[in-house]
C-alpha atoms as a PDB file:
ATOM      1  CA  MET A   1      62.075 -96.314 -66.189  1.00  0.00           C
ATOM      2  CA  ALA A   2      58.670 -94.865 -65.267  1.00  0.00           C
ATOM      3  CA  ASP A   3      59.679 -94.656 -61.608  1.00  0.00           C
ATOM      4  CA  GLN A   4      62.779 -92.612 -62.450  1.00  0.00           C
ATOM      5  CA  ASN A   5      60.707 -90.181 -64.502  1.00  0.00           C
ATOM      6  CA  THR A   6      58.160 -89.793 -61.699  1.00  0.00           C
ATOM      7  CA  SER A   7      60.864 -89.142 -59.115  1.00  0.00           C
ATOM      8  CA  SER A   8      62.450 -86.454 -61.282  1.00  0.00           C
ATOM      9  CA  GLN A   9      59.071 -84.701 -61.470  1.00  0.00           C
ATOM     10  CA  ASN A  10      58.649 -84.907 -57.683  1.00  0.00           C
ATOM     11  CA  PRO A  11      61.989 -84.011 -56.127  1.00  0.00           C
ATOM     12  CA  PRO A  12      62.475 -84.927 -52.458  1.00  0.00           C
ATOM     13  CA  PRO A  13      61.415 -82.333 -49.906  1.00  0.00           C
ATOM     14  CA  GLN A  14      63.971 -79.622 -49.213  1.00  0.00           C
ATOM     15  CA  GLU A  15      65.489 -78.906 -45.798  1.00  0.00           C
ATOM     16  CA  HIS A  16      64.748 -75.391 -44.549  1.00  0.00           C
ATOM     17  CA  TYR A  17      66.267 -73.108 -41.925  1.00  0.00           C
ATOM     18  CA  GLY A  18      64.722 -70.874 -39.296  1.00  0.00           C
ATOM     19  CA  PHE A  19      62.157 -71.746 -36.674  1.00  0.00           C
ATOM     20  CA  VAL A  20      58.541 -72.614 -37.365  1.00  0.00           C
ATOM     21  CA  PHE A  21      56.283 -70.047 -35.672  1.00  0.00           C
ATOM     22  CA  TYR A  22      52.844 -70.575 -34.161  1.00  0.00           C
ATOM     23  CA  ARG A  23      50.624 -67.524 -33.680  1.00  0.00           C
ATOM     24  CA  ALA A  24      48.902 -68.775 -30.537  1.00  0.00           C
ATOM     25  CA  GLU A  25      46.472 -66.043 -29.616  1.00  0.00           C
ATOM     26  CA  SER A  26      44.233 -63.494 -31.257  1.00  0.00           C
ATOM     27  CA  ILE A  27      46.760 -60.914 -32.355  1.00  0.00           C
ATOM     28  CA  ASP A  28      45.377 -58.355 -34.769  1.00  0.00           C
ATOM     29  CA  ASP A  29      46.995 -58.296 -38.190  1.00  0.00           C
ATOM     30  CA  ALA A  30      48.575 -54.841 -37.778  1.00  0.00           C
ATOM     31  CA  GLN A  31      50.278 -55.842 -34.515  1.00  0.00           C
ATOM     32  CA  TRP A  32      51.373 -59.154 -36.054  1.00  0.00           C
ATOM     33  CA  GLU A  33      52.956 -57.353 -39.021  1.00  0.00           C
ATOM     34  CA  ARG A  34      54.822 -54.981 -36.671  1.00  0.00           C
ATOM     35  CA  PHE A  35      55.989 -57.964 -34.626  1.00  0.00           C
ATOM     36  CA  MET A  36      57.248 -59.909 -37.661  1.00  0.00           C
ATOM     37  CA  ALA A  37      59.021 -56.819 -39.068  1.00  0.00           C
ATOM     38  CA  PHE A  38      60.761 -56.347 -35.693  1.00  0.00           C
ATOM     39  CA  LEU A  39      61.659 -60.041 -35.464  1.00  0.00           C
ATOM     40  CA  LYS A  40      63.170 -60.061 -38.956  1.00  0.00           C
ATOM     41  CA  TYR A  41      65.063 -56.836 -38.226  1.00  0.00           C
ATOM     42  CA  GLN A  42      66.556 -58.324 -35.046  1.00  0.00           C
ATOM     43  CA  VAL A  43      67.510 -61.579 -36.805  1.00  0.00           C
ATOM     44  CA  ARG A  44      69.137 -59.696 -39.676  1.00  0.00           C
ATOM     45  CA  HIS A  45      71.103 -57.589 -37.172  1.00  0.00           C
ATOM     46  CA  SER A  46      72.131 -60.646 -35.104  1.00  0.00           C
ATOM     47  CA  LEU A  47      73.354 -62.536 -38.164  1.00  0.00           C
ATOM     48  CA  ALA A  48      75.302 -59.489 -39.396  1.00  0.00           C
ATOM     49  CA  SER A  49      76.908 -58.962 -35.987  1.00  0.00           C
ATOM     50  CA  GLU A  50      78.037 -62.620 -36.030  1.00  0.00           C
ATOM     51  CA  GLY A  51      79.547 -62.147 -39.499  1.00  0.00           C
ATOM     52  CA  ASN A  52      76.933 -64.225 -41.336  1.00  0.00           C
ATOM     53  CA  PRO A  53      74.503 -61.781 -43.002  1.00  0.00           C
ATOM     54  CA  GLN A  54      74.126 -64.089 -46.024  1.00  0.00           C
ATOM     55  CA  PHE A  55      72.200 -66.647 -43.917  1.00  0.00           C
ATOM     56  CA  TYR A  56      69.246 -64.269 -43.586  1.00  0.00           C
ATOM     57  CA  ASP A  57      68.129 -65.027 -47.142  1.00  0.00           C
ATOM     58  CA  GLU A  58      68.056 -68.758 -46.354  1.00  0.00           C
ATOM     59  CA  ILE A  59      65.503 -68.430 -43.551  1.00  0.00           C
ATOM     60  CA  ASP A  60      62.013 -69.745 -44.236  1.00  0.00           C
ATOM     61  CA  TRP A  61      59.533 -67.799 -42.083  1.00  0.00           C
ATOM     62  CA  LYS A  62      56.849 -70.488 -41.794  1.00  0.00           C
ATOM     63  CA  VAL A  63      53.927 -69.386 -39.617  1.00  0.00           C
ATOM     64  CA  PHE A  64      50.899 -71.415 -38.547  1.00  0.00           C
ATOM     65  CA  ASP A  65      47.836 -70.021 -36.806  1.00  0.00           C
ATOM     66  CA  ALA A  66      47.194 -71.779 -33.505  1.00  0.00           C
ATOM     67  CA  HIS A  67      44.547 -69.562 -31.893  1.00  0.00           C
ATOM     68  CA  GLY A  68      43.202 -71.120 -28.730  1.00  0.00           C
ATOM     69  CA  GLU A  69      45.549 -74.117 -28.758  1.00  0.00           C
ATOM     70  CA  THR A  70      47.539 -75.126 -25.686  1.00  0.00           C
ATOM     71  CA  THR A  71      51.296 -75.606 -25.836  1.00  0.00           C
ATOM     72  CA  SER A  72      50.738 -79.354 -25.667  1.00  0.00           C
ATOM     73  CA  GLU A  73      48.318 -79.233 -28.613  1.00  0.00           C
ATOM     74  CA  ILE A  74      50.750 -77.098 -30.624  1.00  0.00           C
ATOM     75  CA  ARG A  75      53.600 -79.519 -29.844  1.00  0.00           C
ATOM     76  CA  HIS A  76      51.457 -82.420 -31.055  1.00  0.00           C
ATOM     77  CA  ARG A  77      50.581 -80.458 -34.187  1.00  0.00           C
ATOM     78  CA  PHE A  78      54.278 -79.620 -34.807  1.00  0.00           C
ATOM     79  CA  ASN A  79      55.282 -83.289 -34.477  1.00  0.00           C
ATOM     80  CA  ARG A  80      52.488 -84.316 -36.862  1.00  0.00           C
ATOM     81  CA  TRP A  81      53.693 -81.664 -39.343  1.00  0.00           C
ATOM     82  CA  LEU A  82      57.209 -83.119 -39.159  1.00  0.00           C
ATOM     83  CA  GLU A  83      55.798 -86.526 -40.076  1.00  0.00           C
ATOM     84  CA  THR A  84      54.028 -85.218 -43.193  1.00  0.00           C
ATOM     85  CA  GLY A  85      57.275 -85.127 -45.163  1.00  0.00           C
ATOM     86  CA  GLU A  86      56.552 -81.599 -46.380  1.00  0.00           C
ATOM     87  CA  GLU A  87      60.181 -80.828 -45.552  1.00  0.00           C
ATOM     88  CA  SER A  88      63.247 -83.009 -45.260  1.00  0.00           C
ATOM     89  CA  THR A  89      63.742 -83.204 -41.499  1.00  0.00           C
ATOM     90  CA  ASN A  90      67.400 -83.220 -40.549  1.00  0.00           C
ATOM     91  CA  PRO A  91      67.634 -84.218 -36.849  1.00  0.00           C
ATOM     92  CA  GLU A  92      70.628 -81.878 -36.440  1.00  0.00           C
ATOM     93  CA  ASN A  93      68.735 -78.812 -37.709  1.00  0.00           C
ATOM     94  CA  TYR A  94      67.112 -76.818 -34.880  1.00  0.00           C
ATOM     95  CA  ARG A  95      64.068 -76.139 -37.083  1.00  0.00           C
ATOM     96  CA  TYR A  96      63.003 -79.736 -36.524  1.00  0.00           C
ATOM     97  CA  LEU A  97      63.919 -79.912 -32.818  1.00  0.00           C
ATOM     98  CA  ALA A  98      61.962 -76.948 -31.460  1.00  0.00           C
ATOM     99  CA  PHE A  99      59.432 -74.348 -32.534  1.00  0.00           C
ATOM    100  CA  VAL A 100      58.384 -70.854 -31.451  1.00  0.00           C
ATOM    101  CA  VAL A 101      55.036 -69.920 -29.937  1.00  0.00           C
ATOM    102  CA  VAL A 102      54.132 -66.242 -30.206  1.00  0.00           C
ATOM    103  CA  TYR A 103      51.761 -64.991 -27.521  1.00  0.00           C
ATOM    104  CA  LYS A 104      50.157 -61.561 -27.488  1.00  0.00           C
ATOM    105  CA  ILE A 105      52.359 -60.488 -24.584  1.00  0.00           C
ATOM    106  CA  SER A 106      55.445 -60.888 -26.813  1.00  0.00           C
ATOM    107  CA  CYS A 107      53.846 -58.612 -29.412  1.00  0.00           C
ATOM    108  CA  ASP A 108      52.918 -56.120 -26.674  1.00  0.00           C
ATOM    109  CA  PHE A 109      56.526 -56.007 -25.442  1.00  0.00           C
ATOM    110  CA  VAL A 110      57.738 -55.382 -28.996  1.00  0.00           C
ATOM    111  CA  ASP A 111      55.251 -52.510 -29.382  1.00  0.00           C
ATOM    112  CA  GLN A 112      56.376 -51.081 -26.047  1.00  0.00           C
ATOM    113  CA  PHE A 113      60.058 -51.377 -27.006  1.00  0.00           C
ATOM    114  CA  MET A 114      59.458 -49.752 -30.409  1.00  0.00           C
ATOM    115  CA  GLU A 115      57.472 -46.823 -29.035  1.00  0.00           C
ATOM    116  CA  GLY A 116      59.079 -43.704 -30.526  1.00  0.00           C
ATOM    117  CA  LYS A 117      61.553 -45.769 -32.584  1.00  0.00           C
ATOM    118  CA  SER A 118      61.795 -46.809 -36.205  1.00  0.00           C
ATOM    119  CA  LEU A 119      63.305 -49.926 -37.764  1.00  0.00           C
ATOM    120  CA  GLN A 120      65.442 -47.552 -39.834  1.00  0.00           C
ATOM    121  CA  ASP A 121      67.246 -46.390 -36.667  1.00  0.00           C
ATOM    122  CA  ASP A 122      70.056 -48.073 -34.782  1.00  0.00           C
ATOM    123  CA  ASP A 123      68.137 -47.657 -31.528  1.00  0.00           C
ATOM    124  CA  ALA A 124      65.674 -50.305 -32.751  1.00  0.00           C
ATOM    125  CA  VAL A 125      68.210 -53.041 -31.884  1.00  0.00           C
ATOM    126  CA  ASP A 126      67.140 -54.688 -28.619  1.00  0.00           C
ATOM    127  CA  GLU A 127      70.519 -54.801 -26.904  1.00  0.00           C
ATOM    128  CA  ARG A 128      68.970 -55.169 -23.449  1.00  0.00           C
ATOM    129  CA  ASP A 129      66.958 -58.303 -24.331  1.00  0.00           C
ATOM    130  CA  THR A 130      63.608 -56.785 -23.362  1.00  0.00           C
ATOM    131  CA  THR A 131      61.652 -58.619 -26.073  1.00  0.00           C
ATOM    132  CA  PHE A 132      61.118 -62.376 -25.977  1.00  0.00           C
ATOM    133  CA  LEU A 133      59.402 -65.461 -27.391  1.00  0.00           C
ATOM    134  CA  ALA A 134      58.524 -68.922 -26.110  1.00  0.00           C
ATOM    135  CA  VAL A 135      60.739 -71.611 -27.650  1.00  0.00           C
ATOM    136  CA  VAL A 136      59.254 -75.078 -27.209  1.00  0.00           C
ATOM    137  CA  SER A 137      61.040 -78.402 -27.612  1.00  0.00           C
ATOM    138  CA  ARG A 138      59.333 -81.034 -29.730  1.00  0.00           C
ATOM    139  CA  ASP A 139      60.086 -83.372 -26.808  1.00  0.00           C
ATOM    140  CA  GLU A 140      57.536 -82.816 -24.040  1.00  0.00           C
ATOM    141  CA  GLU A 141      60.059 -83.764 -21.339  1.00  0.00           C
ATOM    142  CA  GLU A 142      62.320 -80.856 -22.349  1.00  0.00           C
ATOM    143  CA  GLY A 143      59.492 -78.348 -22.066  1.00  0.00           C
ATOM    144  CA  GLU A 144      59.783 -74.741 -23.144  1.00  0.00           C
ATOM    145  CA  THR A 145      61.760 -71.623 -22.300  1.00  0.00           C
ATOM    146  CA  LEU A 146      61.599 -67.908 -22.967  1.00  0.00           C
ATOM    147  CA  VAL A 147      64.284 -66.596 -25.329  1.00  0.00           C
ATOM    148  CA  SER A 148      65.111 -62.977 -26.100  1.00  0.00           C
ATOM    149  CA  ILE A 149      64.324 -62.105 -29.703  1.00  0.00           C
ATOM    150  CA  PRO A 150      67.864 -60.876 -30.537  1.00  0.00           C
ATOM    151  CA  TYR A 151      69.221 -64.195 -29.225  1.00  0.00           C
ATOM    152  CA  LEU A 152      66.827 -66.435 -31.201  1.00  0.00           C
ATOM    153  CA  ILE A 153      68.704 -66.751 -34.512  1.00  0.00           C
ATOM    154  CA  PRO A 154      71.487 -67.722 -34.784  1.00  0.00           C
ATOM    155  CA  ARG A 155      72.496 -68.295 -31.134  1.00  0.00           C
ATOM    156  CA  ALA A 156      69.515 -70.114 -29.584  1.00  0.00           C
ATOM    157  CA  GLY A 157      69.026 -72.145 -32.749  1.00  0.00           C
ATOM    158  CA  ASP A 158      72.677 -73.155 -32.785  1.00  0.00           C
ATOM    159  CA  ILE A 159      72.553 -74.163 -29.119  1.00  0.00           C
ATOM    160  CA  ILE A 160      69.473 -76.345 -29.669  1.00  0.00           C
ATOM    161  CA  ALA A 161      71.304 -78.046 -32.552  1.00  0.00           C
ATOM    162  CA  LEU A 162      74.085 -79.061 -30.114  1.00  0.00           C
ATOM    163  CA  GLN A 163      71.864 -81.697 -28.534  1.00  0.00           C
ATOM    164  CA  GLY A 164      73.848 -84.504 -30.140  1.00  0.00           C
ATOM    165  CA  GLU A 165      76.907 -83.258 -28.256  1.00  0.00           C
ATOM    166  CA  GLY A 166      75.229 -83.602 -24.863  1.00  0.00           C
ATOM    167  CA  MET A 167      74.339 -79.920 -24.565  1.00  0.00           C
ATOM    168  CA  GLY A 168      71.584 -78.328 -26.595  1.00  0.00           C
ATOM    169  CA  TRP A 169      68.289 -77.799 -24.838  1.00  0.00           C
ATOM    170  CA  GLN A 170      69.792 -78.085 -21.360  1.00  0.00           C
ATOM    171  CA  LEU A 171      72.151 -75.193 -22.110  1.00  0.00           C
ATOM    172  CA  LEU A 172      69.325 -72.990 -23.370  1.00  0.00           C
ATOM    173  CA  GLN A 173      66.588 -73.674 -20.846  1.00  0.00           C
ATOM    174  CA  GLU A 174      65.896 -71.135 -18.119  1.00  0.00           C
ATOM    175  CA  PRO A 175      63.734 -71.460 -14.996  1.00  0.00           C
ATOM    176  CA  PHE A 176      60.126 -70.283 -15.365  1.00  0.00           C
ATOM    177  CA  GLY A 177      59.965 -66.502 -15.668  1.00  0.00           C
ATOM    178  CA  ARG A 178      63.596 -66.011 -16.762  1.00  0.00           C
ATOM    179  CA  ILE A 179      64.666 -65.287 -20.328  1.00  0.00           C
ATOM    180  CA  ALA A 180      67.576 -66.955 -22.138  1.00  0.00           C
ATOM    181  CA  THR A 181      69.885 -64.285 -23.538  1.00  0.00           C
ATOM    182  CA  SER A 182      73.461 -63.996 -24.729  1.00  0.00           C
ATOM    183  CA  ARG A 183      74.375 -63.040 -21.139  1.00  0.00           C
ATOM    184  CA  THR A 184      72.899 -66.245 -19.667  1.00  0.00           C
ATOM    185  CA  GLU A 185      74.809 -68.299 -22.250  1.00  0.00           C
ATOM    186  CA  PHE A 186      78.050 -66.540 -21.310  1.00  0.00           C
ATOM    187  CA  ASP A 187      77.372 -67.184 -17.610  1.00  0.00           C
ATOM    188  CA  ARG A 188      76.765 -70.907 -18.191  1.00  0.00           C
ATOM    189  CA  LEU A 189      79.803 -71.369 -20.409  1.00  0.00           C
ATOM    190  CA  THR A 190      81.967 -69.555 -17.851  1.00  0.00           C
ATOM    191  CA  LEU A 191      80.712 -71.866 -15.095  1.00  0.00           C
ATOM    192  CA  GLN A 192      81.597 -74.952 -17.166  1.00  0.00           C
ATOM    193  CA  TYR A 193      85.271 -73.991 -17.424  1.00  0.00           C
END
């Protein structure tokens, strides 16, 4: 009886949605806030354009500071975090298969894109995929790839979650220096048929 009471006081960890972000370099707080506002704006727009605006409220924007850490160190840290049990880790949820590393250059590109624009204007939607992030697989062998910010959620996340169907990371990954976008996905899917 005591065990049942204890378990009701400590419910099991909840599964969350959205990527886990690592702020990998010294990015001043003002630039970071502009970056996160832009990211959230793009995600909200992407979800609405896919007909799923309600999913925005389910996203957990977890951010860890990782100043001075290498990608390998951040990957190790991410995998250790998964093992803590802080969250219920569903192996089919992209949140637990890959994470996002934000470098200063990504924030600089956002600032450059937003020059003369406002998040209240329609021209703040990055339809040309000029802003990007590094998405890193928890599996070292799969590596990392650059993904355009408008493509991150829901598309890139959904593709990563397809790994059980023999696609997933392989469908998302781009050669070094190229950025995964909705156009690259269309090109790959067209080539498969």
